[in-house]
Every structure is written in structure tokens, then in C-alpha cells.
């Protein structure tokens, strides 16, 4: 992984965290939260196998949940 790719991941995570801080939680659904109930929302699976790059820029974060 290049320095540019790592920087791109950092920029995405900063934007994602800011967006999730004000995201209203819909009733009746379970959301992954950092530190458990009452904590901030978290993606929980940002890892190299879920990242798609175009050169040094992060293009997509993919996630599959079986079933």
C-alpha cells in the first residue's frame, strides 16, 4: 500500500466519521457502535480487502454480509 493510498483512507475515514456523527438512527434496526450502546456509529470493517483504489485514490469501500 502506498503513502498516497494510506492518506486517501484517512481522508475517507474523517469524512465518514463526520457524516455518521449526525446520522439519525432508524428505529427497529441494530447498528454497530464503537464502545457499545450509546457510542458513535462505526463501519467496523475498513480493511484492505474491502478497499478499491484508482491509483492512489480510494474509489470504493465494499462490504458483504452473507445471509
C-alpha atoms as a PDB file:
ATOM      1  CA  UNK A   1       0.000   0.000   0.000  1.00  0.00           C
ATOM      2  CA  UNK A   2       1.383   3.404  -0.962  1.00  0.00           C
ATOM      3  CA  UNK A   3       1.584   6.532   1.186  1.00  0.00           C
ATOM      4  CA  UNK A   4      -0.978   8.128  -1.142  1.00  0.00           C
ATOM      5  CA  UNK A   5      -3.406   5.251  -0.605  1.00  0.00           C
ATOM      6  CA  UNK A   6      -2.993   5.483   3.172  1.00  0.00           C
ATOM      7  CA  UNK A   7      -3.661   9.233   3.045  1.00  0.00           C
ATOM      8  CA  UNK A   8      -6.755   8.600   0.916  1.00  0.00           C
ATOM      9  CA  UNK A   9      -8.072   6.104   3.507  1.00  0.00           C
ATOM     10  CA  UNK A  10      -7.534   8.691   6.247  1.00  0.00           C
ATOM     11  CA  UNK A  11      -9.485  11.340   4.305  1.00  0.00           C
ATOM     12  CA  UNK A  12     -12.363   8.927   3.752  1.00  0.00           C
ATOM     13  CA  UNK A  13     -12.497   7.878   7.406  1.00  0.00           C
ATOM     14  CA  UNK A  14     -12.530  11.514   8.535  1.00  0.00           C
ATOM     15  CA  UNK A  15     -15.478  12.275   6.196  1.00  0.00           C
ATOM     16  CA  UNK A  16     -17.259   9.064   7.178  1.00  0.00           C
ATOM     17  CA  UNK A  17     -16.913   9.804  10.903  1.00  0.00           C
ATOM     18  CA  UNK A  18     -18.233  13.358  10.441  1.00  0.00           C
ATOM     19  CA  UNK A  19     -21.225  12.107   8.445  1.00  0.00           C
ATOM     20  CA  UNK A  20     -22.032   9.347  10.918  1.00  0.00           C
ATOM     21  CA  UNK A  21     -21.879  11.722  13.896  1.00  0.00           C
ATOM     22  CA  UNK A  22     -25.164  13.314  12.827  1.00  0.00           C
ATOM     23  CA  UNK A  23     -26.797  10.266  11.245  1.00  0.00           C
ATOM     24  CA  UNK A  24     -30.233   9.576  12.758  1.00  0.00           C
ATOM     25  CA  UNK A  25     -30.638   6.011  13.887  1.00  0.00           C
ATOM     26  CA  UNK A  26     -33.756   4.436  12.378  1.00  0.00           C
ATOM     27  CA  UNK A  27     -35.901   2.595  14.877  1.00  0.00           C
ATOM     28  CA  UNK A  28     -36.014  -1.186  14.917  1.00  0.00           C
ATOM     29  CA  UNK A  29     -32.535  -1.704  13.451  1.00  0.00           C
ATOM     30  CA  UNK A  30     -29.293  -2.706  15.079  1.00  0.00           C
ATOM     31  CA  UNK A  31     -26.288  -0.515  14.316  1.00  0.00           C
ATOM     32  CA  UNK A  32     -22.671  -1.225  15.090  1.00  0.00           C
ATOM     33  CA  UNK A  33     -21.471   1.319  17.629  1.00  0.00           C
ATOM     34  CA  UNK A  34     -17.983   1.985  18.909  1.00  0.00           C
ATOM     35  CA  UNK A  35     -17.869   1.152  22.595  1.00  0.00           C
ATOM     36  CA  UNK A  36     -21.345  -0.447  22.559  1.00  0.00           C
ATOM     37  CA  UNK A  37     -24.771   1.128  23.076  1.00  0.00           C
ATOM     38  CA  UNK A  38     -24.706   4.905  23.122  1.00  0.00           C
ATOM     39  CA  UNK A  39     -21.328   5.095  21.348  1.00  0.00           C
ATOM     40  CA  UNK A  40     -20.776   6.622  17.934  1.00  0.00           C
ATOM     41  CA  UNK A  41     -21.680   4.691  14.807  1.00  0.00           C
ATOM     42  CA  UNK A  42     -18.831   2.711  13.254  1.00  0.00           C
ATOM     43  CA  UNK A  43     -18.306   0.908   9.962  1.00  0.00           C
ATOM     44  CA  UNK A  44     -16.330  -1.743  11.779  1.00  0.00           C
ATOM     45  CA  UNK A  45     -14.744  -3.398   8.731  1.00  0.00           C
ATOM     46  CA  UNK A  46     -12.498  -0.927   6.921  1.00  0.00           C
ATOM     47  CA  UNK A  47      -9.665  -3.234   5.881  1.00  0.00           C
ATOM     48  CA  UNK A  48      -7.506  -3.630   2.771  1.00  0.00           C
ATOM     49  CA  UNK A  49      -9.690  -6.467   1.443  1.00  0.00           C
ATOM     50  CA  UNK A  50     -12.723  -4.124   1.373  1.00  0.00           C
ATOM     51  CA  UNK A  51     -10.994  -1.228  -0.419  1.00  0.00           C
ATOM     52  CA  UNK A  52     -10.903  -0.471  -4.146  1.00  0.00           C
ATOM     53  CA  UNK A  53      -8.406   2.098  -5.425  1.00  0.00           C
ATOM     54  CA  UNK A  54      -7.924   4.049  -8.632  1.00  0.00           C
ATOM     55  CA  UNK A  55      -4.221   4.730  -8.457  1.00  0.00           C
ATOM     56  CA  UNK A  56      -3.677   6.315  -5.045  1.00  0.00           C
ATOM     57  CA  UNK A  57      -7.295   7.417  -4.561  1.00  0.00           C
ATOM     58  CA  UNK A  58      -9.770   5.288  -2.660  1.00  0.00           C
ATOM     59  CA  UNK A  59     -12.668   4.693  -5.041  1.00  0.00           C
ATOM     60  CA  UNK A  60     -14.905   2.329  -3.054  1.00  0.00           C
ATOM     61  CA  UNK A  61     -15.354   0.639   0.283  1.00  0.00           C
ATOM     62  CA  UNK A  62     -17.201  -2.623  -0.227  1.00  0.00           C
ATOM     63  CA  UNK A  63     -18.679  -4.884   2.358  1.00  0.00           C
ATOM     64  CA  UNK A  64     -20.566  -8.129   2.029  1.00  0.00           C
ATOM     65  CA  UNK A  65     -22.565  -9.789   4.719  1.00  0.00           C
ATOM     66  CA  UNK A  66     -23.538 -13.385   3.971  1.00  0.00           C
ATOM     67  CA  UNK A  67     -27.108 -14.415   4.506  1.00  0.00           C
END
